[in-house]
Amino acid sequence: MNKVIATLIAGLFATAAFAQNPAPTTAPAAAVKAEAKHDKTVAKAEAKEAATVAKADTKEAKDVAKAQAKETKAAVKTTAKESKEVAKTEAKEAKADAKEAKADAKEAKKDVVTAKAETKHATKAAKAEKKAEAKEAKAEAAPAK
């Protein structure tokens, strides 16, 4: 029985010795840690670079939008100015046309007055001539008697 117990105890020790994991080495753990740190640093740098690029793109997009807004505003301003000038010119032309029409009407009125006066004078002259002829005819008729 002593032999059996000794064999059993020896078997347990042998099993225990083979069942244990080998002692961990510290070198691979340190390498993994260093690699993880390096990966983290690289990821940070990439994120920072991406943020810088995104910021630059945003700024560029803002500048482009600002320039387009400025161009649009200038175009609208120019169009408005041109429209205003056209309207002003048209108003001046209309005013000049009205003034010209008024002057023409005044001249026509003057012509009418002149024509009336000429007609009146012509009528008076015709009446006077008729009267003179009638008087002359009467005078000629009277001495013949």
Protein backbone atom coordinates (compact mmCIF):
# COMPACT_ATOMS: atom_id res chain seq x y z
CA MET A 1 0.00 0.00 0.00
CA ASN A 2 2.89 2.29 0.61
CA LYS A 3 3.97 1.71 -2.93
CA VAL A 4 0.51 2.41 -4.25
CA ILE A 5 0.27 5.62 -2.27
CA ALA A 6 3.73 6.64 -3.35
CA THR A 7 2.83 5.90 -7.00
CA LEU A 8 -0.40 7.88 -6.67
CA ILE A 9 1.41 10.83 -5.10
CA ALA A 10 4.10 10.68 -7.79
CA GLY A 11 1.37 10.58 -10.46
CA LEU A 12 -0.34 13.61 -8.95
CA PHE A 13 2.91 15.54 -8.91
CA ALA A 14 3.60 14.57 -12.51
CA THR A 15 0.11 15.54 -13.60
CA ALA A 16 0.36 18.82 -11.74
CA ALA A 17 3.72 19.60 -13.35
CA PHE A 18 2.47 18.89 -16.90
CA ALA A 19 -0.90 20.62 -16.35
CA GLN A 20 0.67 23.98 -15.53
CA ASN A 21 1.21 26.54 -18.27
CA PRO A 22 4.73 27.58 -18.96
CA ALA A 23 5.81 30.70 -17.16
CA PRO A 24 4.78 33.81 -19.19
CA THR A 25 7.56 35.75 -20.76
CA THR A 26 7.57 39.50 -20.21
CA ALA A 27 9.17 40.38 -23.53
CA PRO A 28 6.12 39.60 -25.72
CA ALA A 29 3.79 41.50 -23.39
CA ALA A 30 6.01 44.56 -23.57
CA ALA A 31 6.14 44.27 -27.37
CA VAL A 32 2.35 44.03 -27.53
CA LYS A 33 2.07 47.07 -25.29
CA ALA A 34 4.50 49.05 -27.41
CA GLU A 35 2.70 48.00 -30.59
CA ALA A 36 -0.66 49.03 -29.12
CA LYS A 37 0.82 52.39 -28.10
CA HIS A 38 2.25 52.86 -31.60
CA ASP A 39 -1.09 51.96 -33.20
CA LYS A 40 -2.85 54.41 -30.89
CA THR A 41 -0.39 57.18 -31.80
CA VAL A 42 -0.81 56.44 -35.52
CA ALA A 43 -4.62 56.45 -35.17
CA LYS A 44 -4.45 59.79 -33.33
CA ALA A 45 -2.23 61.28 -36.02
CA GLU A 46 -4.56 60.03 -38.78
CA ALA A 47 -7.61 61.42 -36.95
CA LYS A 48 -5.85 64.76 -36.48
CA GLU A 49 -4.89 64.86 -40.16
CA ALA A 50 -8.46 63.97 -41.20
CA ALA A 51 -9.81 66.72 -38.95
CA THR A 52 -7.36 69.23 -40.47
CA VAL A 53 -8.35 68.19 -44.00
CA ALA A 54 -12.04 68.39 -43.11
CA LYS A 55 -11.51 71.82 -41.58
CA ALA A 56 -9.66 73.02 -44.68
CA ASP A 57 -12.40 71.62 -46.93
CA THR A 58 -15.06 73.34 -44.85
CA LYS A 59 -13.17 76.62 -45.00
CA GLU A 60 -12.72 76.29 -48.74
CA ALA A 61 -16.42 75.52 -49.21
CA LYS A 62 -17.31 78.55 -47.09
CA ASP A 63 -15.00 80.77 -49.13
CA VAL A 64 -16.49 79.50 -52.39
CA ALA A 65 -20.03 80.07 -51.11
CA LYS A 66 -19.05 83.54 -49.92
CA ALA A 67 -17.52 84.39 -53.30
CA GLN A 68 -20.61 83.13 -55.12
CA ALA A 69 -22.86 85.16 -52.83
CA LYS A 70 -20.71 88.21 -53.47
CA GLU A 71 -20.88 87.70 -57.25
CA THR A 72 -24.64 87.20 -57.11
CA LYS A 73 -25.06 90.31 -55.00
CA ALA A 74 -22.93 92.32 -57.43
CA ALA A 75 -24.90 91.00 -60.39
CA VAL A 76 -28.20 91.85 -58.71
CA LYS A 77 -26.90 95.29 -57.81
CA THR A 78 -25.73 95.90 -61.38
CA THR A 79 -29.05 94.70 -62.78
CA ALA A 80 -30.97 96.89 -60.37
CA LYS A 81 -28.79 99.87 -61.25
CA GLU A 82 -29.28 99.27 -64.97
CA SER A 83 -33.04 98.88 -64.49
CA LYS A 84 -33.12 102.10 -62.51
CA GLU A 85 -31.18 103.93 -65.22
CA VAL A 86 -33.47 102.54 -67.93
CA ALA A 87 -36.53 103.61 -65.97
CA LYS A 88 -35.01 107.04 -65.40
CA THR A 89 -34.21 107.42 -69.10
CA GLU A 90 -37.70 106.31 -70.08
CA ALA A 91 -39.21 108.77 -67.61
CA LYS A 92 -37.08 111.57 -69.07
CA GLU A 93 -38.09 110.60 -72.59
CA ALA A 94 -41.76 110.52 -71.61
CA LYS A 95 -41.43 113.92 -69.97
CA ALA A 96 -39.72 115.31 -73.08
CA ASP A 97 -42.45 113.82 -75.29
CA ALA A 98 -45.13 115.37 -73.10
CA LYS A 99 -43.36 118.72 -73.23
CA GLU A 100 -43.07 118.46 -77.01
CA ALA A 101 -46.75 117.52 -77.32
CA LYS A 102 -47.67 120.51 -75.16
CA ALA A 103 -45.56 122.80 -77.34
CA ASP A 104 -47.18 121.32 -80.47
CA ALA A 105 -50.63 121.88 -78.99
CA LYS A 106 -49.72 125.47 -78.13
CA GLU A 107 -48.41 126.04 -81.66
CA ALA A 108 -51.56 124.47 -83.14
CA LYS A 109 -53.68 126.76 -80.98
CA LYS A 110 -51.64 129.71 -82.16
CA ASP A 111 -52.12 128.58 -85.75
CA VAL A 112 -55.89 128.31 -85.17
CA VAL A 113 -55.99 131.81 -83.70
CA THR A 114 -53.94 133.13 -86.64
CA ALA A 115 -56.17 131.32 -89.13
CA LYS A 116 -59.27 132.76 -87.43
CA ALA A 117 -57.79 136.27 -87.59
CA GLU A 118 -56.83 135.81 -91.24
CA THR A 119 -60.30 134.50 -92.02
CA LYS A 120 -61.85 137.43 -90.17
CA HIS A 121 -59.67 139.92 -92.05
CA ALA A 122 -60.35 138.18 -95.34
CA THR A 123 -64.08 138.22 -94.63
CA LYS A 124 -63.94 141.93 -93.72
CA ALA A 125 -61.89 142.67 -96.82
CA ALA A 126 -64.32 140.69 -98.98
CA LYS A 127 -67.29 142.53 -97.43
CA ALA A 128 -65.57 145.88 -97.88
CA GLU A 129 -64.74 145.02 -101.49
CA LYS A 130 -68.30 143.89 -102.10
CA LYS A 131 -69.59 147.08 -100.51
CA ALA A 132 -67.20 149.16 -102.62
CA GLU A 133 -68.30 147.33 -105.77
CA ALA A 134 -71.93 147.81 -104.84
CA LYS A 135 -71.28 151.51 -104.22
CA GLU A 136 -69.42 151.81 -107.51
CA ALA A 137 -72.17 150.01 -109.33
CA LYS A 138 -74.69 152.34 -107.70
CA ALA A 139 -72.57 155.36 -108.61
CA GLU A 140 -72.32 154.23 -112.20
CA ALA A 141 -75.98 153.56 -112.35
CA ALA A 142 -76.89 156.94 -110.87
CA PRO A 143 -75.05 159.33 -113.34
CA ALA A 144 -76.47 157.41 -116.26
CA LYS A 145 -79.90 158.60 -115.33
